[in-house]
C-alpha cells in the first residue's frame, strides 16, 4: 500500500536551471563534460559552495560567474501547479524530498516557504551520497519510516527511476518540468 510520495527537487518542483543553461550554451561546454560533471558532483556532495561552482563554470567557459548565476537564478521558480497538487496529496500521504543538491541550492525551499510540505528530506550534501546510489534512497525511506514498496518516487531522471525500482520503490517518471504527468494528478483525486 502506498504511504509516501517522494519528490525530486530540481527538474520536478523547480526547473533543472543549471542544466537548461548548459544546454542553451552547448558550444561552450561540449568539450568540458568531465570538468562539469566533477563540479556538479562536488556541489552535490557539499564540497564546494554555489559561488565556487559558478567560478568553476567561468573557468571552463570564459563567461563570468555572475552572468551564469544570474541566468540560472532567473529560471529558479517553483512550479505552483505542482505545489498545489502536493498540498492535496499531503492530506493522504507522507511527502518526502530526495535531491542531489548543495545546501545553498536546497535553501530555495525555505526561501519559497514550501519546506513545511515535506515530512522528511534526504539531500546529497548532508547524506554524502548522490542519486542513483542506493544509500541516499535508503536514508530517505528510513527518515520517512517506510519500506521501499510503500513509497513512490517522482523523478525526472531515468537513471534515478531505475535505481529506485531496483530497490523496490514504485516510480513515476516526470520527463519535463512544468508538464505534470496525469498519474500524479490522478493520485491527488480522492
N, C-alpha and C. Protein backbone atom coordinates (compact mmCIF):
# COMPACT_ATOMS: atom_id res chain seq x y z
N UNK A 1 0.84 -1.19 0.00
CA UNK A 1 0.00 0.00 0.00
C UNK A 1 0.89 1.25 0.00
N UNK A 2 0.55 2.19 -0.83
CA UNK A 2 1.31 3.42 -0.95
C UNK A 2 1.07 4.31 0.28
N UNK A 3 2.17 4.69 0.94
CA UNK A 3 2.10 5.55 2.11
C UNK A 3 2.83 6.87 1.93
N UNK A 4 3.80 6.89 1.01
CA UNK A 4 4.70 8.03 0.87
C UNK A 4 4.91 8.36 -0.60
N UNK A 5 4.97 9.66 -0.90
CA UNK A 5 5.37 10.11 -2.23
C UNK A 5 6.61 10.98 -2.04
N UNK A 6 7.67 10.61 -2.73
CA UNK A 6 8.95 11.30 -2.63
C UNK A 6 9.22 12.04 -3.93
N UNK A 7 9.49 13.33 -3.82
CA UNK A 7 9.73 14.17 -4.98
C UNK A 7 11.19 14.56 -5.10
N UNK A 8 11.68 14.53 -6.33
CA UNK A 8 12.96 15.15 -6.64
C UNK A 8 12.71 16.66 -6.62
N UNK A 9 13.76 17.44 -6.38
CA UNK A 9 13.59 18.89 -6.34
C UNK A 9 13.81 19.52 -7.70
N UNK A 10 15.01 19.40 -8.24
CA UNK A 10 15.36 20.11 -9.48
C UNK A 10 15.05 19.25 -10.69
N UNK A 11 14.20 19.77 -11.53
CA UNK A 11 13.68 19.04 -12.68
C UNK A 11 12.24 18.64 -12.47
N UNK A 12 11.77 18.72 -11.21
CA UNK A 12 10.39 18.37 -10.88
C UNK A 12 9.69 19.57 -10.23
N UNK A 13 10.12 19.93 -9.01
CA UNK A 13 9.49 21.05 -8.29
C UNK A 13 10.01 22.38 -8.82
N UNK A 14 11.29 22.41 -9.12
CA UNK A 14 11.95 23.57 -9.73
C UNK A 14 12.57 23.10 -11.03
N UNK A 15 12.79 24.01 -11.97
CA UNK A 15 13.48 23.59 -13.19
C UNK A 15 14.92 23.19 -12.90
N UNK A 16 15.46 22.39 -13.76
CA UNK A 16 16.87 22.00 -13.71
C UNK A 16 17.65 23.16 -14.33
N UNK A 17 17.70 24.30 -13.62
CA UNK A 17 18.16 25.56 -14.19
C UNK A 17 19.59 25.52 -14.70
N UNK A 18 20.50 24.92 -13.96
CA UNK A 18 21.88 24.83 -14.44
C UNK A 18 21.95 24.00 -15.70
N UNK A 19 21.21 22.91 -15.73
CA UNK A 19 21.18 22.05 -16.91
C UNK A 19 20.61 22.76 -18.13
N UNK A 20 19.57 23.58 -17.91
CA UNK A 20 18.98 24.35 -19.00
C UNK A 20 20.01 25.34 -19.55
N UNK A 21 20.74 26.00 -18.63
CA UNK A 21 21.77 26.94 -19.06
C UNK A 21 22.85 26.21 -19.87
N UNK A 22 23.30 25.08 -19.36
CA UNK A 22 24.35 24.33 -20.06
C UNK A 22 23.88 23.88 -21.44
N UNK A 23 22.61 23.46 -21.54
CA UNK A 23 22.06 23.05 -22.84
C UNK A 23 22.00 24.22 -23.83
N UNK A 24 21.59 25.39 -23.32
CA UNK A 24 21.49 26.56 -24.18
C UNK A 24 22.85 27.02 -24.69
N UNK A 25 23.89 26.76 -23.93
CA UNK A 25 25.23 27.21 -24.27
C UNK A 25 26.15 26.03 -24.57
N UNK A 26 25.61 25.01 -25.22
CA UNK A 26 26.35 23.77 -25.50
C UNK A 26 27.73 24.00 -26.09
N UNK A 27 27.82 24.98 -26.98
CA UNK A 27 29.09 25.21 -27.66
C UNK A 27 30.21 25.55 -26.68
N UNK A 28 29.86 26.11 -25.51
CA UNK A 28 30.87 26.46 -24.52
C UNK A 28 31.27 25.26 -23.65
N UNK A 29 30.37 24.29 -23.53
CA UNK A 29 30.58 23.22 -22.57
C UNK A 29 30.88 21.86 -23.17
N UNK A 30 30.60 21.68 -24.46
CA UNK A 30 30.64 20.35 -25.05
C UNK A 30 31.99 19.64 -24.91
N UNK A 31 33.07 20.39 -24.84
CA UNK A 31 34.38 19.76 -24.70
C UNK A 31 34.85 19.69 -23.25
N UNK A 32 33.93 19.98 -22.33
CA UNK A 32 34.31 20.03 -20.91
C UNK A 32 33.37 19.20 -20.03
N UNK A 33 32.81 18.14 -20.57
CA UNK A 33 31.82 17.36 -19.81
C UNK A 33 32.42 16.77 -18.54
N UNK A 34 33.67 16.36 -18.58
CA UNK A 34 34.29 15.78 -17.38
C UNK A 34 34.42 16.83 -16.27
N UNK A 35 34.89 18.02 -16.62
CA UNK A 35 35.05 19.09 -15.63
C UNK A 35 33.69 19.50 -15.05
N UNK A 36 32.69 19.60 -15.90
CA UNK A 36 31.36 20.00 -15.44
C UNK A 36 30.75 18.91 -14.56
N UNK A 37 30.94 17.66 -14.94
CA UNK A 37 30.47 16.55 -14.12
C UNK A 37 31.11 16.58 -12.74
N UNK A 38 32.39 16.87 -12.69
CA UNK A 38 33.11 16.97 -11.41
C UNK A 38 32.58 18.14 -10.58
N UNK A 39 32.34 19.29 -11.20
CA UNK A 39 31.76 20.43 -10.47
C UNK A 39 30.39 20.08 -9.91
N UNK A 40 29.55 19.43 -10.72
CA UNK A 40 28.22 19.04 -10.26
C UNK A 40 28.29 18.09 -9.08
N UNK A 41 29.18 17.11 -9.15
CA UNK A 41 29.33 16.16 -8.05
C UNK A 41 29.82 16.87 -6.79
N UNK A 42 30.78 17.75 -6.95
CA UNK A 42 31.35 18.44 -5.78
C UNK A 42 30.32 19.33 -5.08
N UNK A 43 29.48 20.03 -5.86
CA UNK A 43 28.46 20.87 -5.21
C UNK A 43 27.40 19.98 -4.56
N UNK A 44 27.02 18.89 -5.22
CA UNK A 44 26.01 17.98 -4.68
C UNK A 44 26.47 17.32 -3.38
N UNK A 45 27.77 17.09 -3.25
CA UNK A 45 28.31 16.49 -2.03
C UNK A 45 28.66 17.53 -0.96
N UNK A 46 28.44 18.80 -1.28
CA UNK A 46 28.72 19.86 -0.30
C UNK A 46 30.19 20.19 -0.18
N UNK A 47 30.99 19.80 -1.16
CA UNK A 47 32.43 20.06 -1.12
C UNK A 47 32.79 21.46 -1.57
N UNK A 48 31.91 22.08 -2.38
CA UNK A 48 32.12 23.46 -2.82
C UNK A 48 30.82 24.22 -2.66
N UNK A 49 30.96 25.53 -2.54
CA UNK A 49 29.78 26.40 -2.41
C UNK A 49 29.20 26.67 -3.79
N UNK A 50 28.05 27.27 -3.78
CA UNK A 50 27.39 27.65 -5.03
C UNK A 50 28.26 28.67 -5.79
N UNK A 51 28.86 29.60 -5.05
CA UNK A 51 29.74 30.60 -5.68
C UNK A 51 30.95 29.91 -6.33
N UNK A 52 31.51 28.94 -5.64
CA UNK A 52 32.66 28.21 -6.20
C UNK A 52 32.25 27.41 -7.44
N UNK A 53 31.04 26.90 -7.45
CA UNK A 53 30.52 26.19 -8.62
C UNK A 53 30.49 27.12 -9.84
N UNK A 54 29.94 28.32 -9.65
CA UNK A 54 29.84 29.25 -10.78
C UNK A 54 31.22 29.75 -11.22
N UNK A 55 32.14 29.91 -10.28
CA UNK A 55 33.51 30.28 -10.65
C UNK A 55 34.14 29.15 -11.47
N UNK A 56 33.86 27.91 -11.08
CA UNK A 56 34.36 26.76 -11.85
C UNK A 56 33.82 26.77 -13.27
N UNK A 57 32.54 27.09 -13.43
CA UNK A 57 31.96 27.18 -14.78
C UNK A 57 32.60 28.33 -15.57
N UNK A 58 32.90 29.41 -14.87
CA UNK A 58 33.56 30.54 -15.54
C UNK A 58 34.93 30.12 -16.08
N UNK A 59 35.67 29.37 -15.29
CA UNK A 59 37.00 28.91 -15.74
C UNK A 59 36.89 28.03 -16.98
N UNK A 60 35.83 27.24 -17.05
CA UNK A 60 35.64 26.34 -18.19
C UNK A 60 35.20 27.10 -19.44
N UNK A 61 34.35 28.12 -19.25
CA UNK A 61 33.72 28.77 -20.41
C UNK A 61 34.26 30.15 -20.77
N UNK A 62 34.80 30.84 -19.79
CA UNK A 62 35.18 32.23 -20.02
C UNK A 62 34.04 33.19 -19.80
N UNK A 63 32.82 32.69 -19.57
CA UNK A 63 31.66 33.52 -19.26
C UNK A 63 31.71 33.83 -17.76
N UNK A 64 31.44 35.06 -17.37
CA UNK A 64 31.58 35.44 -15.96
C UNK A 64 30.65 34.63 -15.07
N UNK A 65 31.15 34.33 -13.88
CA UNK A 65 30.36 33.58 -12.90
C UNK A 65 29.06 34.30 -12.60
N UNK A 66 29.12 35.62 -12.48
CA UNK A 66 27.91 36.41 -12.19
C UNK A 66 26.88 36.27 -13.30
N UNK A 67 27.32 36.32 -14.55
CA UNK A 67 26.39 36.18 -15.68
C UNK A 67 25.72 34.81 -15.67
N UNK A 68 26.50 33.78 -15.41
CA UNK A 68 25.94 32.42 -15.36
C UNK A 68 24.94 32.32 -14.21
N UNK A 69 25.35 32.77 -13.03
CA UNK A 69 24.47 32.66 -11.86
C UNK A 69 23.19 33.47 -12.05
N UNK A 70 23.30 34.66 -12.59
CA UNK A 70 22.10 35.48 -12.82
C UNK A 70 21.12 34.77 -13.74
N UNK A 71 21.62 34.15 -14.81
CA UNK A 71 20.76 33.43 -15.75
C UNK A 71 20.10 32.23 -15.07
N UNK A 72 20.89 31.48 -14.31
CA UNK A 72 20.35 30.30 -13.61
C UNK A 72 19.30 30.75 -12.59
N UNK A 73 19.60 31.77 -11.81
CA UNK A 73 18.67 32.23 -10.77
C UNK A 73 17.36 32.74 -11.34
N UNK A 74 17.40 33.36 -12.52
CA UNK A 74 16.16 33.84 -13.15
C UNK A 74 15.19 32.69 -13.45
N UNK A 75 15.73 31.53 -13.66
CA UNK A 75 14.89 30.37 -14.01
C UNK A 75 14.36 29.61 -12.80
N UNK A 76 14.91 29.85 -11.63
CA UNK A 76 14.54 29.07 -10.46
C UNK A 76 13.24 29.55 -9.83
N UNK A 77 12.15 29.14 -10.45
CA UNK A 77 10.80 29.47 -9.97
C UNK A 77 10.04 28.17 -9.76
N UNK A 78 9.44 28.07 -8.61
CA UNK A 78 8.70 26.86 -8.24
C UNK A 78 7.51 26.65 -9.19
N UNK A 79 7.19 25.38 -9.44
CA UNK A 79 6.00 25.03 -10.22
C UNK A 79 4.81 25.06 -9.26
N UNK A 80 4.09 26.17 -9.26
CA UNK A 80 2.99 26.35 -8.31
C UNK A 80 1.88 25.33 -8.52
N UNK A 81 1.63 24.93 -9.76
CA UNK A 81 0.62 23.90 -10.02
C UNK A 81 0.98 22.59 -9.32
N UNK A 82 2.25 22.22 -9.36
CA UNK A 82 2.69 21.01 -8.68
C UNK A 82 2.58 21.18 -7.16
N UNK A 83 2.93 22.34 -6.65
CA UNK A 83 2.81 22.60 -5.21
C UNK A 83 1.36 22.42 -4.77
N UNK A 84 0.42 22.89 -5.56
CA UNK A 84 -1.00 22.72 -5.24
C UNK A 84 -1.38 21.25 -5.19
N UNK A 85 -0.84 20.45 -6.11
CA UNK A 85 -1.10 19.00 -6.12
C UNK A 85 -0.47 18.35 -4.89
N UNK A 86 0.76 18.75 -4.55
CA UNK A 86 1.43 18.19 -3.36
C UNK A 86 0.62 18.49 -2.10
N UNK A 87 0.06 19.68 -2.01
CA UNK A 87 -0.77 20.03 -0.84
C UNK A 87 -1.96 19.08 -0.73
N UNK A 88 -2.57 18.73 -1.85
CA UNK A 88 -3.69 17.78 -1.82
C UNK A 88 -3.19 16.38 -1.43
N UNK A 89 -2.06 15.98 -2.00
CA UNK A 89 -1.51 14.66 -1.69
C UNK A 89 -1.15 14.53 -0.22
N UNK A 90 -0.71 15.63 0.40
CA UNK A 90 -0.29 15.61 1.80
C UNK A 90 -1.44 15.23 2.74
N UNK A 91 -2.67 15.41 2.30
CA UNK A 91 -3.82 15.02 3.12
C UNK A 91 -3.92 13.50 3.26
N UNK A 92 -3.31 12.77 2.34
CA UNK A 92 -3.42 11.31 2.35
C UNK A 92 -2.08 10.59 2.52
N UNK A 93 -0.99 11.23 2.08
CA UNK A 93 0.34 10.59 2.08
C UNK A 93 1.36 11.43 2.82
N UNK A 94 2.38 10.75 3.33
CA UNK A 94 3.57 11.47 3.77
C UNK A 94 4.27 11.93 2.49
N UNK A 95 4.94 13.07 2.59
CA UNK A 95 5.64 13.63 1.44
C UNK A 95 7.12 13.78 1.78
N UNK A 96 7.96 13.28 0.89
CA UNK A 96 9.40 13.41 1.08
C UNK A 96 10.04 14.13 -0.08
N UNK A 97 11.27 14.57 0.15
CA UNK A 97 12.08 15.13 -0.93
C UNK A 97 13.42 14.42 -0.92
N UNK A 98 13.85 14.03 -2.11
CA UNK A 98 15.12 13.35 -2.31
C UNK A 98 15.83 14.08 -3.44
N UNK A 99 16.95 14.74 -3.13
CA UNK A 99 17.56 15.60 -4.15
C UNK A 99 19.08 15.57 -4.10
N UNK A 100 19.66 15.61 -5.28
CA UNK A 100 21.09 15.87 -5.41
C UNK A 100 21.24 17.38 -5.42
N UNK A 101 21.76 17.95 -4.34
CA UNK A 101 21.88 19.40 -4.25
C UNK A 101 22.81 19.77 -3.11
N UNK A 102 23.41 20.95 -3.25
CA UNK A 102 24.18 21.53 -2.16
C UNK A 102 23.26 22.27 -1.22
N UNK A 103 23.78 22.65 -0.04
CA UNK A 103 22.96 23.32 0.96
C UNK A 103 22.37 24.62 0.44
N UNK A 104 23.18 25.43 -0.22
CA UNK A 104 22.68 26.71 -0.71
C UNK A 104 21.62 26.51 -1.79
N UNK A 105 21.72 25.44 -2.53
CA UNK A 105 20.72 25.17 -3.57
C UNK A 105 19.39 24.76 -2.95
N UNK A 106 19.43 23.87 -1.97
CA UNK A 106 18.19 23.35 -1.39
C UNK A 106 17.52 24.41 -0.50
N UNK A 107 18.25 25.43 -0.09
CA UNK A 107 17.66 26.51 0.70
C UNK A 107 16.52 27.22 -0.04
N UNK A 108 16.40 26.97 -1.33
CA UNK A 108 15.33 27.57 -2.12
C UNK A 108 13.95 27.16 -1.58
N UNK A 109 13.83 25.97 -0.99
CA UNK A 109 12.53 25.55 -0.47
C UNK A 109 12.13 26.38 0.75
N UNK A 110 13.14 26.89 1.48
CA UNK A 110 12.86 27.77 2.63
C UNK A 110 12.55 29.18 2.13
N UNK A 111 13.27 29.62 1.11
CA UNK A 111 13.02 30.93 0.51
C UNK A 111 11.56 31.02 0.05
N UNK A 112 11.10 29.95 -0.59
CA UNK A 112 9.75 29.94 -1.15
C UNK A 112 8.70 29.40 -0.18
N UNK A 113 9.13 29.11 1.03
CA UNK A 113 8.23 28.68 2.11
C UNK A 113 7.41 27.44 1.76
N UNK A 114 8.07 26.47 1.13
CA UNK A 114 7.39 25.20 0.84
C UNK A 114 7.97 24.06 1.67
N UNK A 115 8.92 24.35 2.54
CA UNK A 115 9.58 23.31 3.33
C UNK A 115 8.60 22.54 4.22
N UNK A 116 7.54 23.18 4.66
CA UNK A 116 6.58 22.52 5.54
C UNK A 116 5.78 21.42 4.84
N UNK A 117 5.84 21.37 3.52
CA UNK A 117 5.15 20.31 2.77
C UNK A 117 5.82 18.95 2.95
N UNK A 118 7.09 18.95 3.36
CA UNK A 118 7.87 17.71 3.38
C UNK A 118 8.02 17.17 4.79
N UNK A 119 7.66 15.90 4.93
CA UNK A 119 7.81 15.22 6.21
C UNK A 119 9.25 14.83 6.47
N UNK A 120 10.03 14.67 5.40
CA UNK A 120 11.45 14.34 5.53
C UNK A 120 12.18 14.73 4.26
N UNK A 121 13.44 15.11 4.44
CA UNK A 121 14.32 15.45 3.32
C UNK A 121 15.54 14.53 3.36
N UNK A 122 16.01 14.15 2.20
CA UNK A 122 17.32 13.49 2.08
C UNK A 122 18.02 14.22 0.93
N UNK A 123 19.01 15.01 1.29
CA UNK A 123 19.71 15.84 0.32
C UNK A 123 21.17 15.41 0.28
N UNK A 124 21.68 15.29 -0.92
CA UNK A 124 23.01 14.70 -1.12
C UNK A 124 24.11 15.36 -0.32
N UNK A 125 24.09 16.68 -0.17
CA UNK A 125 25.18 17.35 0.52
C UNK A 125 25.29 16.89 1.97
N UNK A 126 24.15 16.58 2.61
CA UNK A 126 24.22 16.20 4.02
C UNK A 126 24.28 14.68 4.20
N UNK A 127 23.80 13.93 3.24
CA UNK A 127 23.88 12.47 3.30
C UNK A 127 25.25 11.99 2.82
N UNK A 128 25.91 12.82 2.01
CA UNK A 128 27.21 12.49 1.39
C UNK A 128 27.10 11.31 0.44
N UNK A 129 25.97 11.27 -0.24
CA UNK A 129 25.70 10.26 -1.26
C UNK A 129 24.76 10.89 -2.29
N UNK A 130 24.98 10.58 -3.56
CA UNK A 130 24.14 11.14 -4.62
C UNK A 130 23.34 10.05 -5.29
N UNK A 131 22.14 10.44 -5.78
CA UNK A 131 21.39 9.52 -6.63
C UNK A 131 22.22 9.29 -7.88
N UNK A 132 22.31 8.11 -8.38
CA UNK A 132 21.47 6.94 -8.15
C UNK A 132 22.00 5.95 -7.11
N UNK A 133 22.95 6.35 -6.26
CA UNK A 133 23.46 5.43 -5.24
C UNK A 133 22.34 5.02 -4.28
N UNK A 134 22.32 3.76 -3.93
CA UNK A 134 21.26 3.21 -3.07
C UNK A 134 21.21 3.91 -1.72
N UNK A 135 22.35 4.30 -1.18
CA UNK A 135 22.40 4.85 0.17
C UNK A 135 21.46 6.03 0.38
N UNK A 136 21.41 6.96 -0.56
CA UNK A 136 20.57 8.14 -0.36
C UNK A 136 19.08 7.78 -0.39
N UNK A 137 18.70 6.80 -1.20
CA UNK A 137 17.31 6.33 -1.22
C UNK A 137 16.95 5.70 0.13
N UNK A 138 17.87 4.89 0.64
CA UNK A 138 17.62 4.19 1.91
C UNK A 138 17.51 5.16 3.08
N UNK A 139 18.34 6.21 3.06
CA UNK A 139 18.25 7.24 4.10
C UNK A 139 16.88 7.91 4.05
N UNK A 140 16.43 8.24 2.86
CA UNK A 140 15.12 8.89 2.70
C UNK A 140 13.99 7.99 3.23
N UNK A 141 14.01 6.72 2.83
CA UNK A 141 12.99 5.78 3.30
C UNK A 141 13.00 5.66 4.83
N UNK A 142 14.20 5.60 5.40
CA UNK A 142 14.34 5.49 6.85
C UNK A 142 13.77 6.73 7.54
N UNK A 143 14.07 7.88 7.02
CA UNK A 143 13.56 9.13 7.62
C UNK A 143 12.04 9.23 7.53
N UNK A 144 11.48 8.62 6.50
CA UNK A 144 10.02 8.63 6.34
C UNK A 144 9.36 7.46 7.07
N UNK A 145 10.17 6.51 7.53
CA UNK A 145 9.65 5.38 8.30
C UNK A 145 8.84 4.39 7.48
N UNK A 146 9.25 4.16 6.22
CA UNK A 146 8.52 3.25 5.35
C UNK A 146 9.45 2.26 4.67
N UNK A 147 8.85 1.19 4.17
CA UNK A 147 9.56 0.22 3.35
C UNK A 147 9.55 0.72 1.91
N UNK A 148 10.47 0.22 1.13
CA UNK A 148 10.59 0.66 -0.27
C UNK A 148 9.28 0.51 -1.03
N UNK A 149 8.61 -0.61 -0.87
CA UNK A 149 7.39 -0.86 -1.64
C UNK A 149 6.22 0.04 -1.24
N UNK A 150 6.36 0.77 -0.12
CA UNK A 150 5.32 1.70 0.33
C UNK A 150 5.54 3.12 -0.19
N UNK A 151 6.59 3.30 -1.00
CA UNK A 151 6.97 4.63 -1.46
C UNK A 151 6.92 4.74 -2.98
N UNK A 152 6.58 5.93 -3.43
CA UNK A 152 6.58 6.28 -4.85
C UNK A 152 7.58 7.41 -5.04
N UNK A 153 8.54 7.22 -5.94
CA UNK A 153 9.50 8.27 -6.28
C UNK A 153 9.06 8.96 -7.56
N UNK A 154 9.03 10.29 -7.53
CA UNK A 154 8.74 11.10 -8.70
C UNK A 154 10.04 11.80 -9.08
N UNK A 155 10.60 11.46 -10.25
CA UNK A 155 11.91 11.98 -10.63
C UNK A 155 11.97 12.20 -12.14
N UNK A 156 12.84 13.12 -12.55
CA UNK A 156 12.99 13.44 -13.97
C UNK A 156 14.15 12.70 -14.64
N UNK A 157 14.83 11.84 -13.90
CA UNK A 157 15.98 11.10 -14.44
C UNK A 157 15.67 9.61 -14.52
N UNK A 158 15.80 9.04 -15.71
CA UNK A 158 15.55 7.60 -15.86
C UNK A 158 16.58 6.77 -15.10
N UNK A 159 17.79 7.28 -14.94
CA UNK A 159 18.81 6.57 -14.15
C UNK A 159 18.35 6.45 -12.70
N UNK A 160 17.79 7.53 -12.16
CA UNK A 160 17.29 7.51 -10.78
C UNK A 160 16.04 6.65 -10.65
N UNK A 161 15.19 6.69 -11.66
CA UNK A 161 13.98 5.85 -11.67
C UNK A 161 14.39 4.38 -11.61
N UNK A 162 15.34 3.99 -12.44
CA UNK A 162 15.80 2.60 -12.48
C UNK A 162 16.41 2.19 -11.14
N UNK A 163 17.22 3.07 -10.55
CA UNK A 163 17.84 2.77 -9.25
C UNK A 163 16.76 2.57 -8.18
N UNK A 164 15.73 3.41 -8.20
CA UNK A 164 14.64 3.28 -7.23
C UNK A 164 13.87 1.98 -7.44
N UNK A 165 13.60 1.64 -8.68
CA UNK A 165 12.91 0.38 -8.99
C UNK A 165 13.72 -0.82 -8.51
N UNK A 166 15.03 -0.76 -8.68
CA UNK A 166 15.91 -1.85 -8.24
C UNK A 166 15.83 -2.05 -6.73
N UNK A 167 15.50 -0.98 -6.00
CA UNK A 167 15.37 -1.06 -4.55
C UNK A 167 13.95 -1.43 -4.12
N UNK A 168 13.02 -1.50 -5.07
CA UNK A 168 11.65 -1.88 -4.76
C UNK A 168 10.66 -0.74 -4.65
N UNK A 169 11.10 0.49 -4.92
CA UNK A 169 10.18 1.62 -4.88
C UNK A 169 9.29 1.64 -6.13
N UNK A 170 8.10 2.15 -5.97
CA UNK A 170 7.25 2.46 -7.10
C UNK A 170 7.82 3.76 -7.69
N UNK A 171 7.62 3.98 -8.97
CA UNK A 171 8.20 5.18 -9.57
C UNK A 171 7.23 5.84 -10.54
N UNK A 172 7.46 7.12 -10.73
CA UNK A 172 6.73 7.90 -11.71
C UNK A 172 7.73 8.83 -12.39
N UNK A 173 7.92 8.60 -13.66
CA UNK A 173 8.85 9.42 -14.44
C UNK A 173 8.20 10.76 -14.76
N UNK A 174 8.92 11.83 -14.49
CA UNK A 174 8.45 13.20 -14.70
C UNK A 174 9.36 13.81 -15.77
N UNK A 175 9.06 13.55 -17.04
CA UNK A 175 10.02 13.84 -18.11
C UNK A 175 10.28 15.31 -18.41
N UNK A 176 9.33 16.19 -18.10
CA UNK A 176 9.52 17.59 -18.48
C UNK A 176 8.99 18.50 -17.39
N UNK A 177 9.86 19.37 -16.88
CA UNK A 177 9.45 20.33 -15.86
C UNK A 177 8.23 21.12 -16.34
N UNK A 178 7.26 21.27 -15.44
CA UNK A 178 6.07 22.05 -15.75
C UNK A 178 5.00 21.28 -16.50
N UNK A 179 5.26 20.03 -16.83
CA UNK A 179 4.31 19.21 -17.57
C UNK A 179 3.97 17.99 -16.71
N UNK A 180 3.08 18.19 -15.77
CA UNK A 180 2.78 17.19 -14.76
C UNK A 180 2.17 15.92 -15.36
N UNK A 181 2.75 14.76 -15.03
CA UNK A 181 2.17 13.50 -15.52
C UNK A 181 0.75 13.31 -14.99
N UNK A 182 -0.12 12.79 -15.82
CA UNK A 182 -1.52 12.57 -15.46
C UNK A 182 -1.63 11.65 -14.24
N UNK A 183 -0.75 10.66 -14.14
CA UNK A 183 -0.79 9.74 -12.99
C UNK A 183 -0.69 10.47 -11.65
N UNK A 184 0.06 11.56 -11.62
CA UNK A 184 0.22 12.30 -10.38
C UNK A 184 -1.05 13.06 -10.03
N UNK A 185 -1.67 13.68 -11.01
CA UNK A 185 -2.92 14.39 -10.73
C UNK A 185 -4.03 13.41 -10.34
N UNK A 186 -3.98 12.19 -10.91
CA UNK A 186 -4.98 11.16 -10.54
C UNK A 186 -4.82 10.77 -9.07
N UNK A 187 -3.58 10.68 -8.58
CA UNK A 187 -3.35 10.35 -7.17
C UNK A 187 -3.95 11.41 -6.24
N UNK A 188 -3.97 12.66 -6.70
CA UNK A 188 -4.48 13.76 -5.88
C UNK A 188 -6.01 13.79 -5.84
N UNK A 189 -6.67 12.99 -6.67
CA UNK A 189 -8.14 12.94 -6.68
C UNK A 189 -8.61 11.78 -5.84
N UNK A 190 -8.99 12.07 -4.63
CA UNK A 190 -9.50 11.00 -3.75
C UNK A 190 -10.68 11.50 -2.97
